[in-house]
Amino acid sequence: MLHRERLPVPVVVVGNILVGGTGKTPLVIHLARDLGARGRHPGIVSRGYRGNSGNSGHTLEVTAASDPGIVGDEPLLLARRATCPVFVGRDRVAAVRSLLASYPECDLIIADDGLQHYRLERDVEIALVDGRGMMNGWALPAGPLREPVSRLAMVDALVLNGAAVSPAPTFSGATFAMTLLGERFYRLDESMTTCGAADLAGKILHAVAGIGSPQRFFDHLTTMGLNFSVHPFADHHEYCEDEMLFAGDAILTTEKDAVKLARLRLTLPVWILPVTAEVSPDLAAFVLEKLNGRPPA
């Protein structure tokens, strides 16, 4: 019933039906980089959750030097890691048009967290599921789902993050397995300075995470053999210095949290663990195969 707008380039939507993060940001980075390596010129659009631009009617280009308070933490991370143009705006159609006006060489758009933005016509839909599954299976406000589980039957591909299992056993589309890999830390104030888990062994550590599933980050650190105190925060949490007054040797955090911690004056060194997505089988090849059959705009 809603009017959809077809844009002059194909659109690939990456999203989920569960409130909170399921690993979309590393997947979008992986997909953008893989598509770029195969000769495509992708651009990324996002709402910019909790950024001031995403809550206004304006669109804005995100650069590596953008303020996360304006553009949002995830778009800033995308701009720094995805090596392609990134624009934010509540109206994803307007954001795409702004991106294409500035970067006419872009021949493909990846819509970050755009599964429910139905005004934007899409050519490929990719939905992520993590180890939390569908929880109680109810839609908001009774449960954590943005849409019914049956919505997953309509997407082109399911990506199962980590130990996730498919919540749609009769799903007839393609299914992919995603693993988040991260082995070395770098310092927030000296990005060229890195260390491994062995260098942090025996130290008093505090793990800070304000992502959709903080436990996923804590579990990752545990598999690296580290001992630490956990400090989970809500997704997209806006940190203040009083919350980081820990006694110890160092703070461990995610890249998404680091973009906001960088604005604070902290007493302890901060070590950031970057992660990359490994997807099997080849998701970029699947997307290109789907797009090869797309009719002209």
C-alpha atoms as a PDB file:
ATOM      1  CA  MET A   1       0.000   0.000   0.000  1.00  0.00           C
ATOM      2  CA  LEU A   2       2.987   2.334   0.487  1.00  0.00           C
ATOM      3  CA  HIS A   3       4.523   4.040  -2.520  1.00  0.00           C
ATOM      4  CA  ARG A   4       8.015   2.738  -3.233  1.00  0.00           C
ATOM      5  CA  GLU A   5      10.640   4.735  -5.076  1.00  0.00           C
ATOM      6  CA  ARG A   6      12.869   3.020  -7.601  1.00  0.00           C
ATOM      7  CA  LEU A   7      16.329   4.572  -7.808  1.00  0.00           C
ATOM      8  CA  PRO A   8      18.671   4.579 -10.809  1.00  0.00           C
ATOM      9  CA  VAL A   9      21.072   2.080  -9.220  1.00  0.00           C
ATOM     10  CA  PRO A  10      20.340  -1.244  -7.507  1.00  0.00           C
ATOM     11  CA  VAL A  11      19.757  -1.271  -3.751  1.00  0.00           C
ATOM     12  CA  VAL A  12      20.871  -4.003  -1.338  1.00  0.00           C
ATOM     13  CA  VAL A  13      19.211  -3.839   2.074  1.00  0.00           C
ATOM     14  CA  VAL A  14      20.929  -5.277   5.156  1.00  0.00           C
ATOM     15  CA  GLY A  15      18.767  -5.447   8.268  1.00  0.00           C
ATOM     16  CA  ASN A  16      17.046  -7.558  10.883  1.00  0.00           C
ATOM     17  CA  ILE A  17      13.694  -7.911  12.588  1.00  0.00           C
ATOM     18  CA  LEU A  18      15.075  -8.030  16.137  1.00  0.00           C
ATOM     19  CA  VAL A  19      15.577  -4.788  18.048  1.00  0.00           C
ATOM     20  CA  GLY A  20      19.238  -4.218  18.770  1.00  0.00           C
ATOM     21  CA  GLY A  21      22.427  -5.082  16.945  1.00  0.00           C
ATOM     22  CA  THR A  22      22.912  -8.466  15.311  1.00  0.00           C
ATOM     23  CA  GLY A  23      26.192  -7.676  13.548  1.00  0.00           C
ATOM     24  CA  LYS A  24      24.938  -5.467  10.721  1.00  0.00           C
ATOM     25  CA  THR A  25      27.828  -3.003  10.788  1.00  0.00           C
ATOM     26  CA  PRO A  26      30.652  -5.534  10.254  1.00  0.00           C
ATOM     27  CA  LEU A  27      28.532  -7.280   7.631  1.00  0.00           C
ATOM     28  CA  VAL A  28      27.931  -4.034   5.709  1.00  0.00           C
ATOM     29  CA  ILE A  29      31.669  -3.283   5.851  1.00  0.00           C
ATOM     30  CA  HIS A  30      32.466  -6.794   4.607  1.00  0.00           C
ATOM     31  CA  LEU A  31      29.961  -6.561   1.768  1.00  0.00           C
ATOM     32  CA  ALA A  32      31.026  -3.063   0.673  1.00  0.00           C
ATOM     33  CA  ARG A  33      34.699  -3.998   0.605  1.00  0.00           C
ATOM     34  CA  ASP A  34      34.073  -7.286  -1.210  1.00  0.00           C
ATOM     35  CA  LEU A  35      31.886  -5.637  -3.840  1.00  0.00           C
ATOM     36  CA  GLY A  36      34.461  -2.891  -4.300  1.00  0.00           C
ATOM     37  CA  ALA A  37      37.192  -5.482  -4.819  1.00  0.00           C
ATOM     38  CA  ARG A  38      35.110  -6.943  -7.668  1.00  0.00           C
ATOM     39  CA  GLY A  39      34.891  -3.730  -9.608  1.00  0.00           C
ATOM     40  CA  ARG A  40      31.668  -2.266  -8.225  1.00  0.00           C
ATOM     41  CA  HIS A  41      31.423   1.209  -6.684  1.00  0.00           C
ATOM     42  CA  PRO A  42      29.105   0.907  -3.689  1.00  0.00           C
ATOM     43  CA  GLY A  43      27.767   3.664  -1.470  1.00  0.00           C
ATOM     44  CA  ILE A  44      26.147   3.243   1.943  1.00  0.00           C
ATOM     45  CA  VAL A  45      23.104   4.996   3.393  1.00  0.00           C
ATOM     46  CA  SER A  46      21.998   4.798   7.019  1.00  0.00           C
ATOM     47  CA  ARG A  47      19.615   6.608   9.302  1.00  0.00           C
ATOM     48  CA  GLY A  48      22.397   7.462  11.719  1.00  0.00           C
ATOM     49  CA  TYR A  49      20.719   6.238  14.896  1.00  0.00           C
ATOM     50  CA  ARG A  50      20.888   8.794  17.734  1.00  0.00           C
ATOM     51  CA  GLY A  51      22.842  11.168  15.552  1.00  0.00           C
ATOM     52  CA  ASN A  52      21.239  14.577  15.178  1.00  0.00           C
ATOM     53  CA  SER A  53      21.245  14.362  11.380  1.00  0.00           C
ATOM     54  CA  GLY A  54      19.256  11.122  11.429  1.00  0.00           C
ATOM     55  CA  ASN A  55      16.492  12.767  13.461  1.00  0.00           C
ATOM     56  CA  SER A  56      16.175  15.786  11.173  1.00  0.00           C
ATOM     57  CA  GLY A  57      14.965  16.043   7.628  1.00  0.00           C
ATOM     58  CA  HIS A  58      18.473  16.614   6.272  1.00  0.00           C
ATOM     59  CA  THR A  59      20.986  14.290   4.702  1.00  0.00           C
ATOM     60  CA  LEU A  60      24.671  14.470   5.495  1.00  0.00           C
ATOM     61  CA  GLU A  61      27.851  12.894   4.224  1.00  0.00           C
ATOM     62  CA  VAL A  62      29.840  11.016   6.862  1.00  0.00           C
ATOM     63  CA  THR A  63      33.626  11.249   6.851  1.00  0.00           C
ATOM     64  CA  ALA A  64      36.271   9.741   9.097  1.00  0.00           C
ATOM     65  CA  ALA A  65      36.406  13.057  10.976  1.00  0.00           C
ATOM     66  CA  SER A  66      32.634  13.437  11.511  1.00  0.00           C
ATOM     67  CA  ASP A  67      31.164  13.984  14.975  1.00  0.00           C
ATOM     68  CA  PRO A  68      29.388  10.806  16.160  1.00  0.00           C
ATOM     69  CA  GLY A  69      26.944  13.030  18.056  1.00  0.00           C
ATOM     70  CA  ILE A  70      25.798  14.383  14.692  1.00  0.00           C
ATOM     71  CA  VAL A  71      26.070  11.408  12.326  1.00  0.00           C
ATOM     72  CA  GLY A  72      25.784   8.464  14.748  1.00  0.00           C
ATOM     73  CA  ASP A  73      28.381   5.949  15.934  1.00  0.00           C
ATOM     74  CA  GLU A  74      27.729   3.188  13.393  1.00  0.00           C
ATOM     75  CA  PRO A  75      27.826   5.437  10.283  1.00  0.00           C
ATOM     76  CA  LEU A  76      31.104   6.907  11.528  1.00  0.00           C
ATOM     77  CA  LEU A  77      32.559   3.416  11.856  1.00  0.00           C
ATOM     78  CA  LEU A  78      31.267   2.590   8.354  1.00  0.00           C
ATOM     79  CA  ALA A  79      32.943   5.688   6.928  1.00  0.00           C
ATOM     80  CA  ARG A  80      36.242   4.736   8.543  1.00  0.00           C
ATOM     81  CA  ARG A  81      36.216   1.069   7.547  1.00  0.00           C
ATOM     82  CA  ALA A  82      34.102   0.540   4.430  1.00  0.00           C
ATOM     83  CA  THR A  83      36.242   2.636   2.007  1.00  0.00           C
ATOM     84  CA  CYS A  84      33.204   4.012   0.158  1.00  0.00           C
ATOM     85  CA  PRO A  85      30.871   7.039   0.470  1.00  0.00           C
ATOM     86  CA  VAL A  86      28.480   7.027   3.444  1.00  0.00           C
ATOM     87  CA  PHE A  87      25.436   9.308   3.807  1.00  0.00           C
ATOM     88  CA  VAL A  88      22.918   9.502   6.648  1.00  0.00           C
ATOM     89  CA  GLY A  89      19.365  10.769   6.876  1.00  0.00           C
ATOM     90  CA  ARG A  90      15.990   9.750   8.228  1.00  0.00           C
ATOM     91  CA  ASP A  91      14.691   9.674   4.631  1.00  0.00           C
ATOM     92  CA  ARG A  92      16.814   6.939   3.053  1.00  0.00           C
ATOM     93  CA  VAL A  93      15.550   7.805  -0.454  1.00  0.00           C
ATOM     94  CA  ALA A  94      16.752  11.401  -0.051  1.00  0.00           C
ATOM     95  CA  ALA A  95      20.055  10.121   1.370  1.00  0.00           C
ATOM     96  CA  VAL A  96      20.595   7.951  -1.714  1.00  0.00           C
ATOM     97  CA  ARG A  97      19.831  10.854  -4.051  1.00  0.00           C
ATOM     98  CA  SER A  98      22.315  13.074  -2.182  1.00  0.00           C
ATOM     99  CA  LEU A  99      24.966  10.371  -2.327  1.00  0.00           C
ATOM    100  CA  LEU A 100      24.506   9.815  -6.072  1.00  0.00           C
ATOM    101  CA  ALA A 101      24.596  13.561  -6.738  1.00  0.00           C
ATOM    102  CA  SER A 102      27.956  13.803  -4.964  1.00  0.00           C
ATOM    103  CA  TYR A 103      29.329  10.484  -6.222  1.00  0.00           C
ATOM    104  CA  PRO A 104      27.797   9.741  -9.640  1.00  0.00           C
ATOM    105  CA  GLU A 105      30.239   6.872 -10.154  1.00  0.00           C
ATOM    106  CA  CYS A 106      28.435   4.841  -7.470  1.00  0.00           C
ATOM    107  CA  ASP A 107      26.647   1.969  -9.151  1.00  0.00           C
ATOM    108  CA  LEU A 108      25.164   0.200  -6.120  1.00  0.00           C
ATOM    109  CA  ILE A 109      23.686   1.232  -2.769  1.00  0.00           C
ATOM    110  CA  ILE A 110      23.854  -0.719   0.493  1.00  0.00           C
ATOM    111  CA  ALA A 111      21.105   0.375   2.898  1.00  0.00           C
ATOM    112  CA  ASP A 112      22.288  -0.230   6.451  1.00  0.00           C
ATOM    113  CA  ASP A 113      19.401  -1.299   8.718  1.00  0.00           C
ATOM    114  CA  GLY A 114      16.875  -0.589   5.965  1.00  0.00           C
ATOM    115  CA  LEU A 115      14.682  -3.681   6.103  1.00  0.00           C
ATOM    116  CA  GLN A 116      11.702  -1.748   7.487  1.00  0.00           C
ATOM    117  CA  HIS A 117      12.230   1.365   5.325  1.00  0.00           C
ATOM    118  CA  TYR A 118       9.680   0.240   2.750  1.00  0.00           C
ATOM    119  CA  ARG A 119       9.591   3.477   0.770  1.00  0.00           C
ATOM    120  CA  LEU A 120      13.011   2.531  -0.591  1.00  0.00           C
ATOM    121  CA  GLU A 121      12.598   0.000  -3.408  1.00  0.00           C
ATOM    122  CA  ARG A 122      15.154  -2.763  -3.029  1.00  0.00           C
ATOM    123  CA  ASP A 123      16.654  -5.438  -5.262  1.00  0.00           C
ATOM    124  CA  VAL A 124      18.184  -7.710  -2.626  1.00  0.00           C
ATOM    125  CA  GLU A 125      17.176  -8.144   1.023  1.00  0.00           C
ATOM    126  CA  ILE A 126      19.603  -9.642   3.541  1.00  0.00           C
ATOM    127  CA  ALA A 127      18.473 -10.332   7.110  1.00  0.00           C
ATOM    128  CA  LEU A 128      20.772 -11.123  10.030  1.00  0.00           C
ATOM    129  CA  VAL A 129      20.027 -13.383  12.962  1.00  0.00           C
ATOM    130  CA  ASP A 130      22.305 -13.757  15.995  1.00  0.00           C
ATOM    131  CA  GLY A 131      22.477 -16.199  18.876  1.00  0.00           C
ATOM    132  CA  ARG A 132      19.573 -14.547  20.700  1.00  0.00           C
ATOM    133  CA  GLY A 133      17.190 -15.928  18.100  1.00  0.00           C
ATOM    134  CA  MET A 134      13.702 -14.452  18.174  1.00  0.00           C
ATOM    135  CA  MET A 135      13.525 -14.455  22.002  1.00  0.00           C
ATOM    136  CA  ASN A 136       9.819 -14.542  23.018  1.00  0.00           C
ATOM    137  CA  GLY A 137       8.711 -14.234  19.384  1.00  0.00           C
ATOM    138  CA  TRP A 138       6.419 -11.269  20.001  1.00  0.00           C
ATOM    139  CA  ALA A 139       6.410  -7.966  18.166  1.00  0.00           C
ATOM    140  CA  LEU A 140       6.887  -4.625  19.913  1.00  0.00           C
ATOM    141  CA  PRO A 141       5.873  -3.654  22.563  1.00  0.00           C
ATOM    142  CA  ALA A 142       5.170  -7.167  23.926  1.00  0.00           C
ATOM    143  CA  GLY A 143       8.466  -8.482  22.591  1.00  0.00           C
ATOM    144  CA  PRO A 144      11.665  -7.482  20.794  1.00  0.00           C
ATOM    145  CA  LEU A 145      10.574  -7.983  17.178  1.00  0.00           C
ATOM    146  CA  ARG A 146      10.099  -5.140  14.724  1.00  0.00           C
ATOM    147  CA  GLU A 147       8.113  -7.451  12.442  1.00  0.00           C
ATOM    148  CA  PRO A 148       6.698 -10.987  12.685  1.00  0.00           C
ATOM    149  CA  VAL A 149       9.044 -13.930  12.192  1.00  0.00           C
ATOM    150  CA  SER A 150       7.149 -14.659   8.970  1.00  0.00           C
ATOM    151  CA  ARG A 151       8.825 -11.575   7.462  1.00  0.00           C
ATOM    152  CA  LEU A 152      12.056 -13.572   7.173  1.00  0.00           C
ATOM    153  CA  ALA A 153      10.432 -15.822   4.566  1.00  0.00           C
ATOM    154  CA  MET A 154      10.374 -12.838   2.190  1.00  0.00           C
ATOM    155  CA  VAL A 155      14.077 -11.961   2.222  1.00  0.00           C
ATOM    156  CA  ASP A 156      16.594 -13.195  -0.327  1.00  0.00           C
ATOM    157  CA  ALA A 157      19.227 -14.301   2.161  1.00  0.00           C
ATOM    158  CA  LEU A 158      19.626 -15.089   5.837  1.00  0.00           C
ATOM    159  CA  VAL A 159      22.986 -14.515   7.516  1.00  0.00           C
ATOM    160  CA  LEU A 160      23.451 -16.436  10.761  1.00  0.00           C
ATOM    161  CA  ASN A 161      25.917 -14.739  13.072  1.00  0.00           C
ATOM    162  CA  GLY A 162      27.993 -17.031  15.261  1.00  0.00           C
ATOM    163  CA  ALA A 163      25.959 -19.756  16.971  1.00  0.00           C
ATOM    164  CA  ALA A 164      22.649 -18.525  15.528  1.00  0.00           C
ATOM    165  CA  VAL A 165      20.216 -21.027  14.052  1.00  0.00           C
ATOM    166  CA  SER A 166      17.634 -20.262  11.430  1.00  0.00           C
ATOM    167  CA  PRO A 167      14.271 -19.244  12.947  1.00  0.00           C
ATOM    168  CA  ALA A 168      12.623 -20.056   9.616  1.00  0.00           C
ATOM    169  CA  PRO A 169      13.147 -23.793   8.977  1.00  0.00           C
ATOM    170  CA  THR A 170      11.156 -23.663   5.737  1.00  0.00           C
ATOM    171  CA  PHE A 171      13.163 -20.713   4.378  1.00  0.00           C
ATOM    172  CA  SER A 172      13.796 -21.278   0.678  1.00  0.00           C
ATOM    173  CA  GLY A 173      16.374 -18.536   0.097  1.00  0.00           C
ATOM    174  CA  ALA A 174      20.136 -18.650   0.548  1.00  0.00           C
ATOM    175  CA  THR A 175      21.647 -19.077   4.021  1.00  0.00           C
ATOM    176  CA  PHE A 176      25.096 -17.852   5.029  1.00  0.00           C
ATOM    177  CA  ALA A 177      27.247 -18.295   8.141  1.00  0.00           C
ATOM    178  CA  MET A 178      29.066 -15.273   9.591  1.00  0.00           C
ATOM    179  CA  THR A 179      31.917 -15.269  12.084  1.00  0.00           C
ATOM    180  CA  LEU A 180      33.401 -12.152  13.661  1.00  0.00           C
ATOM    181  CA  LEU A 181      37.184 -12.327  13.840  1.00  0.00           C
ATOM    182  CA  GLY A 182      39.394 -10.141  16.018  1.00  0.00           C
ATOM    183  CA  GLU A 183      42.783 -10.947  17.519  1.00  0.00           C
ATOM    184  CA  ARG A 184      44.774  -7.752  18.100  1.00  0.00           C
ATOM    185  CA  PHE A 185      43.974  -4.545  19.965  1.00  0.00           C
ATOM    186  CA  TYR A 186      45.081  -1.017  19.160  1.00  0.00           C
ATOM    187  CA  ARG A 187      45.279   1.966  21.512  1.00  0.00           C
ATOM    188  CA  LEU A 188      42.662   4.666  21.313  1.00  0.00           C
ATOM    189  CA  ASP A 189      45.226   7.471  21.615  1.00  0.00           C
ATOM    190  CA  GLU A 190      47.940   5.781  19.524  1.00  0.00           C
ATOM    191  CA  SER A 191      46.300   3.754  16.772  1.00  0.00           C
ATOM    192  CA  MET A 192      49.637   2.441  15.478  1.00  0.00           C
ATOM    193  CA  THR A 193      50.347   0.846  18.859  1.00  0.00           C
ATOM    194  CA  THR A 194      48.930  -2.686  18.995  1.00  0.00           C
ATOM    195  CA  CYS A 195      49.015  -5.637  21.331  1.00  0.00           C
ATOM    196  CA  GLY A 196      47.730  -9.171  21.662  1.00  0.00           C
ATOM    197  CA  ALA A 197      45.880 -10.897  24.464  1.00  0.00           C
ATOM    198  CA  ALA A 198      49.143 -12.200  25.912  1.00  0.00           C
ATOM    199  CA  ASP A 199      50.325  -8.619  26.448  1.00  0.00           C
ATOM    200  CA  LEU A 200      47.257  -7.924  28.608  1.00  0.00           C
ATOM    201  CA  ALA A 201      47.415 -11.106  30.669  1.00  0.00           C
ATOM    202  CA  GLY A 202      47.639 -10.520  34.415  1.00  0.00           C
ATOM    203  CA  LYS A 203      46.443  -6.937  34.190  1.00  0.00           C
ATOM    204  CA  ILE A 204      43.325  -5.506  35.854  1.00  0.00           C
ATOM    205  CA  LEU A 205      41.016  -5.016  32.879  1.00  0.00           C
ATOM    206  CA  HIS A 206      37.582  -3.477  32.399  1.00  0.00           C
ATOM    207  CA  ALA A 207      35.533  -4.483  29.351  1.00  0.00           C
ATOM    208  CA  VAL A 208      33.091  -1.774  28.195  1.00  0.00           C
ATOM    209  CA  ALA A 209      30.433  -2.407  25.542  1.00  0.00           C
ATOM    210  CA  GLY A 210      27.357  -0.414  24.542  1.00  0.00           C
ATOM    211  CA  ILE A 211      26.280  -2.518  21.572  1.00  0.00           C
ATOM    212  CA  GLY A 212      23.170  -4.543  20.775  1.00  0.00           C
ATOM    213  CA  SER A 213      24.592  -7.634  22.483  1.00  0.00           C
ATOM    214  CA  PRO A 214      27.424  -6.706  24.888  1.00  0.00           C
ATOM    215  CA  GLN A 215      27.731 -10.329  25.962  1.00  0.00           C
ATOM    216  CA  ARG A 216      28.951 -11.216  22.481  1.00  0.00           C
ATOM    217  CA  PHE A 217      31.934  -8.901  22.991  1.00  0.00           C
ATOM    218  CA  PHE A 218      32.595 -10.245  26.481  1.00  0.00           C
ATOM    219  CA  ASP A 219      32.446 -13.833  25.213  1.00  0.00           C
ATOM    220  CA  HIS A 220      34.945 -12.962  22.491  1.00  0.00           C
ATOM    221  CA  LEU A 221      37.383 -11.603  25.082  1.00  0.00           C
ATOM    222  CA  THR A 222      36.933 -14.727  27.186  1.00  0.00           C
ATOM    223  CA  THR A 223      37.826 -16.965  24.231  1.00  0.00           C
ATOM    224  CA  MET A 224      41.041 -14.932  23.959  1.00  0.00           C
ATOM    225  CA  GLY A 225      41.935 -16.046  27.496  1.00  0.00           C
ATOM    226  CA  LEU A 226      41.446 -12.672  29.180  1.00  0.00           C
ATOM    227  CA  ASN A 227      40.083 -11.996  32.661  1.00  0.00           C
ATOM    228  CA  PHE A 228      38.166  -8.737  33.139  1.00  0.00           C
ATOM    229  CA  SER A 229      35.303  -6.955  34.847  1.00  0.00           C
ATOM    230  CA  VAL A 230      32.258  -6.459  32.624  1.00  0.00           C
ATOM    231  CA  HIS A 231      30.515  -3.110  32.118  1.00  0.00           C
ATOM    232  CA  PRO A 232      27.543  -3.523  29.756  1.00  0.00           C
ATOM    233  CA  PHE A 233      25.656  -0.453  28.563  1.00  0.00           C
ATOM    234  CA  ALA A 234      22.612   0.078  26.362  1.00  0.00           C
ATOM    235  CA  ASP A 235      23.093   0.112  22.602  1.00  0.00           C
ATOM    236  CA  HIS A 236      24.332   3.533  21.372  1.00  0.00           C
ATOM    237  CA  HIS A 237      24.982   4.649  24.951  1.00  0.00           C
ATOM    238  CA  GLU A 238      26.368   8.192  25.338  1.00  0.00           C
ATOM    239  CA  TYR A 239      29.270   7.818  27.739  1.00  0.00           C
ATOM    240  CA  CYS A 240      30.379  10.338  30.325  1.00  0.00           C
ATOM    241  CA  GLU A 241      33.696  10.465  32.142  1.00  0.00           C
ATOM    242  CA  ASP A 242      32.223   9.575  35.541  1.00  0.00           C
ATOM    243  CA  GLU A 243      31.169   6.173  34.169  1.00  0.00           C
ATOM    244  CA  MET A 244      34.761   5.321  33.239  1.00  0.00           C
ATOM    245  CA  LEU A 245      36.399   5.962  36.634  1.00  0.00           C
ATOM    246  CA  PHE A 246      37.776   2.447  37.039  1.00  0.00           C
ATOM    247  CA  ALA A 247      40.661   1.279  39.209  1.00  0.00           C
ATOM    248  CA  GLY A 248      42.950  -0.915  37.182  1.00  0.00           C
ATOM    249  CA  ASP A 249      45.299  -1.052  34.217  1.00  0.00           C
ATOM    250  CA  ALA A 250      43.206  -0.700  31.047  1.00  0.00           C
ATOM    251  CA  ILE A 251      39.793  -0.509  29.390  1.00  0.00           C
ATOM    252  CA  LEU A 252      38.890  -2.896  26.572  1.00  0.00           C
ATOM    253  CA  THR A 253      36.149  -1.859  24.169  1.00  0.00           C
ATOM    254  CA  THR A 254      34.682  -2.164  20.679  1.00  0.00           C
ATOM    255  CA  GLU A 255      35.319   0.124  17.703  1.00  0.00           C
ATOM    256  CA  LYS A 256      31.729   1.320  17.874  1.00  0.00           C
ATOM    257  CA  ASP A 257      32.104   2.390  21.515  1.00  0.00           C
ATOM    258  CA  ALA A 258      35.535   3.873  20.888  1.00  0.00           C
ATOM    259  CA  VAL A 259      34.214   6.620  18.606  1.00  0.00           C
ATOM    260  CA  LYS A 260      32.393   8.086  21.628  1.00  0.00           C
ATOM    261  CA  LEU A 261      35.016   7.298  24.271  1.00  0.00           C
ATOM    262  CA  ALA A 262      37.512   9.280  22.169  1.00  0.00           C
ATOM    263  CA  ARG A 263      35.760  12.496  23.200  1.00  0.00           C
ATOM    264  CA  LEU A 264      36.360  11.862  26.922  1.00  0.00           C
ATOM    265  CA  ARG A 265      39.362  12.455  29.157  1.00  0.00           C
ATOM    266  CA  LEU A 266      40.045   9.019  30.605  1.00  0.00           C
ATOM    267  CA  THR A 267      42.505   8.009  33.279  1.00  0.00           C
ATOM    268  CA  LEU A 268      43.138   4.499  31.939  1.00  0.00           C
ATOM    269  CA  PRO A 269      44.491   3.540  28.507  1.00  0.00           C
ATOM    270  CA  VAL A 270      41.804   2.236  26.158  1.00  0.00           C
ATOM    271  CA  TRP A 271      42.469  -0.792  23.946  1.00  0.00           C
ATOM    272  CA  ILE A 272      40.119  -1.307  21.007  1.00  0.00           C
ATOM    273  CA  LEU A 273      39.394  -4.700  19.474  1.00  0.00           C
ATOM    274  CA  PRO A 274      38.478  -4.335  15.772  1.00  0.00           C
ATOM    275  CA  VAL A 275      36.535  -7.224  14.267  1.00  0.00           C
ATOM    276  CA  THR A 276      36.025  -8.296  10.681  1.00  0.00           C
ATOM    277  CA  ALA A 277      33.223 -10.437   9.322  1.00  0.00           C
ATOM    278  CA  GLU A 278      33.969 -13.723   7.604  1.00  0.00           C
ATOM    279  CA  VAL A 279      30.981 -14.956   5.602  1.00  0.00           C
ATOM    280  CA  SER A 280      30.542 -18.344   3.997  1.00  0.00           C
ATOM    281  CA  PRO A 281      29.670 -19.067   1.256  1.00  0.00           C
ATOM    282  CA  ASP A 282      30.492 -15.975  -0.834  1.00  0.00           C
ATOM    283  CA  LEU A 283      27.836 -13.331  -0.075  1.00  0.00           C
ATOM    284  CA  ALA A 284      29.149 -10.740  -2.557  1.00  0.00           C
ATOM    285  CA  ALA A 285      28.993 -13.290  -5.370  1.00  0.00           C
ATOM    286  CA  PHE A 286      25.395 -14.078  -4.392  1.00  0.00           C
ATOM    287  CA  VAL A 287      24.449 -10.382  -4.464  1.00  0.00           C
ATOM    288  CA  LEU A 288      26.048  -9.834  -7.869  1.00  0.00           C
ATOM    289  CA  GLU A 289      24.292 -12.894  -9.256  1.00  0.00           C
ATOM    290  CA  LYS A 290      20.950 -11.532  -8.042  1.00  0.00           C
ATOM    291  CA  LEU A 291      21.671  -8.092  -9.493  1.00  0.00           C
ATOM    292  CA  ASN A 292      22.603  -9.494 -12.897  1.00  0.00           C
ATOM    293  CA  GLY A 293      18.930 -10.217 -13.442  1.00  0.00           C
ATOM    294  CA  ARG A 294      17.761  -6.761 -12.357  1.00  0.00           C
ATOM    295  CA  PRO A 295      15.707  -4.912 -15.003  1.00  0.00           C
ATOM    296  CA  PRO A 296      16.929  -1.419 -16.038  1.00  0.00           C
ATOM    297  CA  ALA A 297      15.703   1.514 -13.901  1.00  0.00           C
END
